[in-house]
Amino acid sequence: MEKEQATDPTGICHPAHRFDLNRATTIDGDAEAVINDMFVYHAWDDAQTNAGALVRNCLADAVKMIVKFVPPCPDRSAAIRKLREARMDCNSAITHRGKY
């Protein structure tokens, strides 16, 4: 089932009716469509590629500063791991244009 969608100038898609997967209790057509969209490959366009590179470079710079200035310890490891997680979440947000 296709939902009406609008795209703002940044390319972010805003469904007219946003399905809330977190509240779903059955796998109906909407739930299946959202789940499939979350896990299917979406190629990036040029704008997404540029945004991803900027975010990735900033996060890499943050990790370099942590390695350079923060003593090795479990907290440092956690900080680096959280930046890697942030990169993955940013990539997902860019890929899905803010849908999830």
Foldseek 3Di string as FASTA:
>chain_A
DDFDWDADPLRAIDGPDADDLVPDDDCDPVNVVVVCVLPDDFDADPSLVVVLVVLVVVLVVVLVCLVVPPDDDPVSVVVNVVSVVVSVVVNSCSRNRNSD
